[in-house]
Structures are given as structure tokens and as C-alpha cells.
Amino acid sequence: MSKPSASTSAWVWWRNPPRPAGGVRRYGGESVARLRFIKRAQQLGFSLAEVQRLLALENPQNCGAARSLAAEKLALVEARIADLERMRGVLKELVSRCGVRRGKVACPIIATLTE
């Protein structure tokens, strides 16, 4: 079995830091900064696997690779926004048609979903 790389070992440590005898973990400034980095990246939609890739690219010479990862994430976010805007438009139309129809006419929401 091969020995884990330094970045893999560090990643495991960040996810499962050692617990001292008192049971309360104490983080130094560097650890807190690293954890903030991880949380900020997650808030931008990066998965833990993607955060791990970003952490491996901390060297300024790897800025292009980090930019590529961020550009991929941006494209996914923009596609999701487009999907949500389309869904919003359809739902707004259905809701507005539902308020206009009265009597024995089938509910336009149910009718649209069964077409």
C-alpha cells in the first residue's frame, strides 16, 4: 500500500484533527485560517473534493488552475440560475392562470402537469 501524499495527509488532519486529553480542540491561527478558507469555499458551492483541489493549488503559480475550477463552478451556477428563472416563469404563469379560471374548468396547474 502506498504512503498518502502530504496534501492527502493534511486533508485528513483538517477533517479529523486530534482531540487532546481534555476533549476540547484548540486551533492555532493557521488552522483557523485554513478552516475559514474551507467554509468560504463551501459557501460558494464548492464540494469538499473541490476544496481539496483548491487547497492543493495554493501556490501562486497555480492561479490558472484555480481560475479554471472557479470558472467551471461559475458555469454550473449560471446554468442553475437559468433553470430556476425558467421554473419561476412557468410557475408564475400557472399561478396567474389558476386565479382566472372558474367553474368546471380543470385546474390549469394539474392540467399542465398531466399533459
N, C-alpha and C. Protein backbone atom coordinates (compact mmCIF):
# COMPACT_ATOMS: atom_id res chain seq x y z
N MET A 1 0.85 -1.18 0.00
CA MET A 1 0.00 0.00 0.00
C MET A 1 0.88 1.24 0.00
N SER A 2 0.55 2.23 -0.83
CA SER A 2 1.39 3.42 -0.94
C SER A 2 1.11 4.39 0.19
N LYS A 3 2.14 5.14 0.53
CA LYS A 3 2.02 6.14 1.59
C LYS A 3 1.22 7.33 1.06
N PRO A 4 0.27 7.88 1.85
CA PRO A 4 -0.51 9.02 1.37
C PRO A 4 0.39 10.23 1.14
N SER A 5 0.02 11.05 0.18
CA SER A 5 0.79 12.25 -0.11
C SER A 5 0.64 13.23 1.04
N ALA A 6 1.50 14.24 1.06
CA ALA A 6 1.45 15.24 2.12
C ALA A 6 0.12 15.98 2.11
N SER A 7 -0.39 16.29 0.90
CA SER A 7 -1.65 17.02 0.84
C SER A 7 -2.81 16.15 1.30
N THR A 8 -2.77 14.85 1.01
CA THR A 8 -3.82 13.94 1.48
C THR A 8 -3.77 13.82 2.99
N SER A 9 -2.57 13.66 3.55
CA SER A 9 -2.44 13.57 5.00
C SER A 9 -2.93 14.84 5.67
N ALA A 10 -2.60 15.99 5.11
CA ALA A 10 -3.05 17.26 5.68
C ALA A 10 -4.56 17.36 5.60
N TRP A 11 -5.14 16.92 4.49
CA TRP A 11 -6.60 16.98 4.33
C TRP A 11 -7.29 16.13 5.39
N VAL A 12 -6.78 14.93 5.62
CA VAL A 12 -7.36 14.07 6.65
C VAL A 12 -7.25 14.75 8.00
N TRP A 13 -6.12 15.37 8.27
CA TRP A 13 -5.94 16.05 9.55
C TRP A 13 -6.95 17.18 9.71
N TRP A 14 -7.21 17.95 8.64
CA TRP A 14 -8.16 19.07 8.73
C TRP A 14 -9.56 18.54 9.00
N ARG A 15 -9.88 17.41 8.45
CA ARG A 15 -11.22 16.87 8.64
C ARG A 15 -11.35 16.19 10.00
N ASN A 16 -10.26 15.62 10.51
CA ASN A 16 -10.29 14.88 11.78
C ASN A 16 -9.11 15.28 12.65
N PRO A 17 -9.08 16.54 13.14
CA PRO A 17 -7.94 16.94 13.95
C PRO A 17 -7.88 16.15 15.25
N PRO A 18 -6.67 15.96 15.77
CA PRO A 18 -6.53 15.17 17.01
C PRO A 18 -7.25 15.87 18.16
N ARG A 19 -7.81 15.10 19.05
CA ARG A 19 -8.52 15.62 20.23
C ARG A 19 -7.59 15.45 21.44
N PRO A 20 -7.29 16.56 22.15
CA PRO A 20 -6.41 16.45 23.32
C PRO A 20 -7.10 15.74 24.47
N ALA A 21 -6.34 15.48 25.53
CA ALA A 21 -6.86 14.73 26.68
C ALA A 21 -8.11 15.37 27.27
N GLY A 22 -8.19 16.70 27.30
CA GLY A 22 -9.37 17.38 27.86
C GLY A 22 -10.58 17.31 26.96
N GLY A 23 -10.40 16.89 25.71
CA GLY A 23 -11.51 16.73 24.79
C GLY A 23 -11.86 17.97 23.99
N VAL A 24 -11.30 19.13 24.31
CA VAL A 24 -11.62 20.37 23.60
C VAL A 24 -10.49 20.67 22.63
N ARG A 25 -10.84 20.80 21.36
CA ARG A 25 -9.82 21.10 20.36
C ARG A 25 -9.47 22.58 20.42
N ARG A 26 -8.21 22.86 20.30
CA ARG A 26 -7.73 24.24 20.26
C ARG A 26 -6.99 24.42 18.94
N TYR A 27 -7.43 25.42 18.20
CA TYR A 27 -6.85 25.66 16.88
C TYR A 27 -5.97 26.90 16.93
N GLY A 28 -4.82 26.82 16.28
CA GLY A 28 -3.94 27.97 16.14
C GLY A 28 -4.42 28.85 15.00
N GLY A 29 -3.77 29.99 14.82
CA GLY A 29 -4.15 30.95 13.79
C GLY A 29 -4.15 30.37 12.39
N GLU A 30 -3.14 29.57 12.07
CA GLU A 30 -3.05 28.97 10.74
C GLU A 30 -4.20 27.98 10.51
N SER A 31 -4.52 27.22 11.54
CA SER A 31 -5.63 26.27 11.42
C SER A 31 -6.96 26.99 11.24
N VAL A 32 -7.16 28.05 11.99
CA VAL A 32 -8.39 28.82 11.87
C VAL A 32 -8.50 29.41 10.47
N ALA A 33 -7.40 29.93 9.95
CA ALA A 33 -7.41 30.49 8.59
C ALA A 33 -7.75 29.42 7.56
N ARG A 34 -7.20 28.22 7.74
CA ARG A 34 -7.48 27.12 6.81
C ARG A 34 -8.96 26.72 6.88
N LEU A 35 -9.50 26.64 8.09
CA LEU A 35 -10.91 26.28 8.25
C LEU A 35 -11.81 27.36 7.66
N ARG A 36 -11.43 28.62 7.80
CA ARG A 36 -12.20 29.70 7.18
C ARG A 36 -12.20 29.56 5.65
N PHE A 37 -11.03 29.25 5.11
CA PHE A 37 -10.91 29.04 3.67
C PHE A 37 -11.88 27.96 3.22
N ILE A 38 -11.90 26.85 3.94
CA ILE A 38 -12.76 25.72 3.59
C ILE A 38 -14.22 26.14 3.65
N LYS A 39 -14.63 26.83 4.71
CA LYS A 39 -16.03 27.25 4.86
C LYS A 39 -16.42 28.26 3.78
N ARG A 40 -15.54 29.20 3.47
CA ARG A 40 -15.85 30.18 2.41
C ARG A 40 -16.01 29.51 1.06
N ALA A 41 -15.15 28.57 0.77
CA ALA A 41 -15.25 27.84 -0.49
C ALA A 41 -16.56 27.06 -0.55
N GLN A 42 -16.95 26.44 0.56
CA GLN A 42 -18.23 25.71 0.60
C GLN A 42 -19.40 26.67 0.40
N GLN A 43 -19.33 27.86 0.95
CA GLN A 43 -20.39 28.85 0.78
C GLN A 43 -20.54 29.27 -0.68
N LEU A 44 -19.45 29.16 -1.44
CA LEU A 44 -19.50 29.46 -2.87
C LEU A 44 -19.93 28.26 -3.70
N GLY A 45 -20.26 27.17 -3.02
CA GLY A 45 -20.77 26.00 -3.72
C GLY A 45 -19.75 24.92 -4.02
N PHE A 46 -18.52 25.10 -3.59
CA PHE A 46 -17.50 24.08 -3.84
C PHE A 46 -17.73 22.90 -2.91
N SER A 47 -17.64 21.70 -3.47
CA SER A 47 -17.74 20.48 -2.66
C SER A 47 -16.43 20.31 -1.89
N LEU A 48 -16.43 19.39 -0.93
CA LEU A 48 -15.19 19.14 -0.19
C LEU A 48 -14.08 18.63 -1.11
N ALA A 49 -14.44 17.84 -2.10
CA ALA A 49 -13.43 17.36 -3.05
C ALA A 49 -12.84 18.53 -3.84
N GLU A 50 -13.69 19.48 -4.23
CA GLU A 50 -13.21 20.66 -4.96
C GLU A 50 -12.38 21.55 -4.05
N VAL A 51 -12.77 21.67 -2.78
CA VAL A 51 -11.98 22.45 -1.82
C VAL A 51 -10.60 21.83 -1.67
N GLN A 52 -10.55 20.52 -1.62
CA GLN A 52 -9.27 19.83 -1.52
C GLN A 52 -8.39 20.17 -2.73
N ARG A 53 -9.00 20.18 -3.91
CA ARG A 53 -8.24 20.54 -5.12
C ARG A 53 -7.75 21.98 -5.03
N LEU A 54 -8.60 22.90 -4.53
CA LEU A 54 -8.19 24.29 -4.38
C LEU A 54 -7.04 24.42 -3.39
N LEU A 55 -7.12 23.69 -2.29
CA LEU A 55 -6.05 23.74 -1.30
C LEU A 55 -4.72 23.26 -1.88
N ALA A 56 -4.80 22.30 -2.77
CA ALA A 56 -3.58 21.79 -3.41
C ALA A 56 -2.99 22.82 -4.39
N LEU A 57 -3.78 23.85 -4.72
CA LEU A 57 -3.34 24.86 -5.69
C LEU A 57 -2.94 26.18 -5.02
N GLU A 58 -2.64 26.16 -3.74
CA GLU A 58 -2.34 27.39 -3.01
C GLU A 58 -1.13 28.15 -3.55
N ASN A 59 -0.21 27.46 -4.17
CA ASN A 59 0.98 28.10 -4.74
C ASN A 59 0.53 29.11 -5.80
N PRO A 60 1.03 30.36 -5.74
CA PRO A 60 0.62 31.38 -6.71
C PRO A 60 0.82 30.98 -8.17
N GLN A 61 1.73 30.06 -8.43
CA GLN A 61 1.96 29.61 -9.80
C GLN A 61 0.79 28.80 -10.34
N ASN A 62 -0.11 28.36 -9.46
CA ASN A 62 -1.26 27.55 -9.87
C ASN A 62 -2.54 28.36 -10.01
N CYS A 63 -2.41 29.68 -10.10
CA CYS A 63 -3.59 30.55 -10.17
C CYS A 63 -4.46 30.20 -11.38
N GLY A 64 -3.85 29.84 -12.48
CA GLY A 64 -4.62 29.48 -13.68
C GLY A 64 -5.50 28.26 -13.44
N ALA A 65 -4.98 27.27 -12.75
CA ALA A 65 -5.77 26.07 -12.45
C ALA A 65 -6.90 26.40 -11.49
N ALA A 66 -6.63 27.26 -10.49
CA ALA A 66 -7.67 27.67 -9.55
C ALA A 66 -8.75 28.46 -10.29
N ARG A 67 -8.32 29.29 -11.23
CA ARG A 67 -9.28 30.06 -12.04
C ARG A 67 -10.16 29.13 -12.85
N SER A 68 -9.59 28.09 -13.40
CA SER A 68 -10.36 27.11 -14.19
C SER A 68 -11.42 26.43 -13.32
N LEU A 69 -11.04 26.04 -12.11
CA LEU A 69 -12.01 25.42 -11.20
C LEU A 69 -13.15 26.39 -10.88
N ALA A 70 -12.80 27.65 -10.61
CA ALA A 70 -13.81 28.65 -10.29
C ALA A 70 -14.69 28.93 -11.51
N ALA A 71 -14.10 28.94 -12.70
CA ALA A 71 -14.88 29.17 -13.92
C ALA A 71 -15.87 28.03 -14.16
N GLU A 72 -15.45 26.80 -13.89
CA GLU A 72 -16.35 25.65 -14.00
C GLU A 72 -17.52 25.79 -13.02
N LYS A 73 -17.21 26.19 -11.80
CA LYS A 73 -18.26 26.37 -10.78
C LYS A 73 -19.20 27.49 -11.19
N LEU A 74 -18.65 28.58 -11.71
CA LEU A 74 -19.47 29.70 -12.17
C LEU A 74 -20.42 29.27 -13.28
N ALA A 75 -19.94 28.47 -14.22
CA ALA A 75 -20.79 27.98 -15.31
C ALA A 75 -21.94 27.13 -14.76
N LEU A 76 -21.65 26.29 -13.77
CA LEU A 76 -22.70 25.48 -13.15
C LEU A 76 -23.73 26.35 -12.42
N VAL A 77 -23.25 27.37 -11.72
CA VAL A 77 -24.15 28.27 -11.00
C VAL A 77 -25.03 29.04 -11.99
N GLU A 78 -24.43 29.53 -13.06
CA GLU A 78 -25.21 30.27 -14.06
C GLU A 78 -26.25 29.38 -14.73
N ALA A 79 -25.90 28.13 -14.99
CA ALA A 79 -26.87 27.19 -15.57
C ALA A 79 -28.01 26.94 -14.59
N ARG A 80 -27.67 26.80 -13.32
CA ARG A 80 -28.70 26.57 -12.29
C ARG A 80 -29.61 27.78 -12.17
N ILE A 81 -29.04 28.98 -12.22
CA ILE A 81 -29.84 30.21 -12.16
C ILE A 81 -30.79 30.27 -13.36
N ALA A 82 -30.30 29.92 -14.55
CA ALA A 82 -31.15 29.93 -15.73
C ALA A 82 -32.30 28.94 -15.57
N ASP A 83 -32.01 27.76 -15.03
CA ASP A 83 -33.06 26.77 -14.78
C ASP A 83 -34.08 27.31 -13.78
N LEU A 84 -33.61 27.93 -12.72
CA LEU A 84 -34.51 28.47 -11.70
C LEU A 84 -35.37 29.60 -12.26
N GLU A 85 -34.78 30.46 -13.12
CA GLU A 85 -35.55 31.54 -13.72
C GLU A 85 -36.63 30.99 -14.66
N ARG A 86 -36.30 29.92 -15.39
CA ARG A 86 -37.28 29.29 -16.26
C ARG A 86 -38.41 28.70 -15.42
N MET A 87 -38.06 28.01 -14.35
CA MET A 87 -39.06 27.42 -13.47
C MET A 87 -39.95 28.50 -12.85
N ARG A 88 -39.33 29.59 -12.47
CA ARG A 88 -40.08 30.71 -11.89
C ARG A 88 -41.11 31.24 -12.87
N GLY A 89 -40.70 31.42 -14.13
CA GLY A 89 -41.62 31.92 -15.15
C GLY A 89 -42.81 30.99 -15.36
N VAL A 90 -42.55 29.70 -15.45
CA VAL A 90 -43.62 28.72 -15.64
C VAL A 90 -44.56 28.72 -14.45
N LEU A 91 -44.01 28.72 -13.25
CA LEU A 91 -44.85 28.72 -12.05
C LEU A 91 -45.68 30.00 -11.92
N LYS A 92 -45.09 31.15 -12.24
CA LYS A 92 -45.84 32.41 -12.20
C LYS A 92 -47.02 32.36 -13.17
N GLU A 93 -46.77 31.83 -14.35
CA GLU A 93 -47.84 31.72 -15.35
C GLU A 93 -48.94 30.79 -14.85
N LEU A 94 -48.56 29.65 -14.32
CA LEU A 94 -49.55 28.70 -13.82
C LEU A 94 -50.38 29.30 -12.68
N VAL A 95 -49.72 29.97 -11.77
CA VAL A 95 -50.42 30.58 -10.64
C VAL A 95 -51.38 31.67 -11.13
N SER A 96 -50.94 32.47 -12.08
CA SER A 96 -51.82 33.54 -12.59
C SER A 96 -53.01 32.97 -13.35
N ARG A 97 -52.81 31.89 -14.11
CA ARG A 97 -53.93 31.26 -14.83
C ARG A 97 -54.90 30.60 -13.86
N CYS A 98 -54.39 30.10 -12.76
CA CYS A 98 -55.24 29.43 -11.78
C CYS A 98 -56.23 30.40 -11.17
N GLY A 99 -55.84 31.64 -10.95
CA GLY A 99 -56.72 32.64 -10.35
C GLY A 99 -57.81 33.12 -11.29
N VAL A 100 -57.61 32.96 -12.60
CA VAL A 100 -58.57 33.44 -13.59
C VAL A 100 -59.65 32.40 -13.88
N ARG A 101 -59.31 31.15 -13.86
CA ARG A 101 -60.25 30.08 -14.21
C ARG A 101 -61.25 29.84 -13.09
N ARG A 102 -62.50 29.68 -13.48
CA ARG A 102 -63.56 29.40 -12.51
C ARG A 102 -64.50 28.34 -13.09
N GLY A 103 -65.31 27.78 -12.24
CA GLY A 103 -66.33 26.84 -12.70
C GLY A 103 -65.80 25.45 -12.90
N LYS A 104 -66.31 24.79 -13.96
CA LYS A 104 -66.00 23.37 -14.19
C LYS A 104 -64.70 23.15 -14.96
N VAL A 105 -63.99 24.23 -15.26
CA VAL A 105 -62.73 24.11 -15.99
C VAL A 105 -61.69 23.46 -15.07
N ALA A 106 -60.94 22.51 -15.64
CA ALA A 106 -59.90 21.81 -14.87
C ALA A 106 -58.85 22.81 -14.38
N CYS A 107 -58.30 22.52 -13.24
CA CYS A 107 -57.23 23.36 -12.68
C CYS A 107 -56.07 23.41 -13.68
N PRO A 108 -55.67 24.61 -14.10
CA PRO A 108 -54.59 24.71 -15.10
C PRO A 108 -53.26 24.14 -14.60
N ILE A 109 -53.03 24.17 -13.31
CA ILE A 109 -51.77 23.61 -12.78
C ILE A 109 -51.80 22.09 -12.96
N ILE A 110 -52.87 21.45 -12.53
CA ILE A 110 -52.99 19.99 -12.66
C ILE A 110 -53.02 19.60 -14.14
N ALA A 111 -53.77 20.35 -14.95
CA ALA A 111 -53.84 20.04 -16.38
C ALA A 111 -52.48 20.13 -17.04
N THR A 112 -51.70 21.15 -16.73
CA THR A 112 -50.36 21.30 -17.32
C THR A 112 -49.45 20.16 -16.90
N LEU A 113 -49.53 19.78 -15.64
CA LEU A 113 -48.64 18.72 -15.15
C LEU A 113 -49.02 17.34 -15.70
N THR A 114 -50.28 17.15 -16.11
CA THR A 114 -50.69 15.87 -16.65
C THR A 114 -50.54 15.78 -18.17
N GLU A 115 -50.23 16.88 -18.82
CA GLU A 115 -50.07 16.87 -20.30
C GLU A 115 -48.86 16.08 -20.71
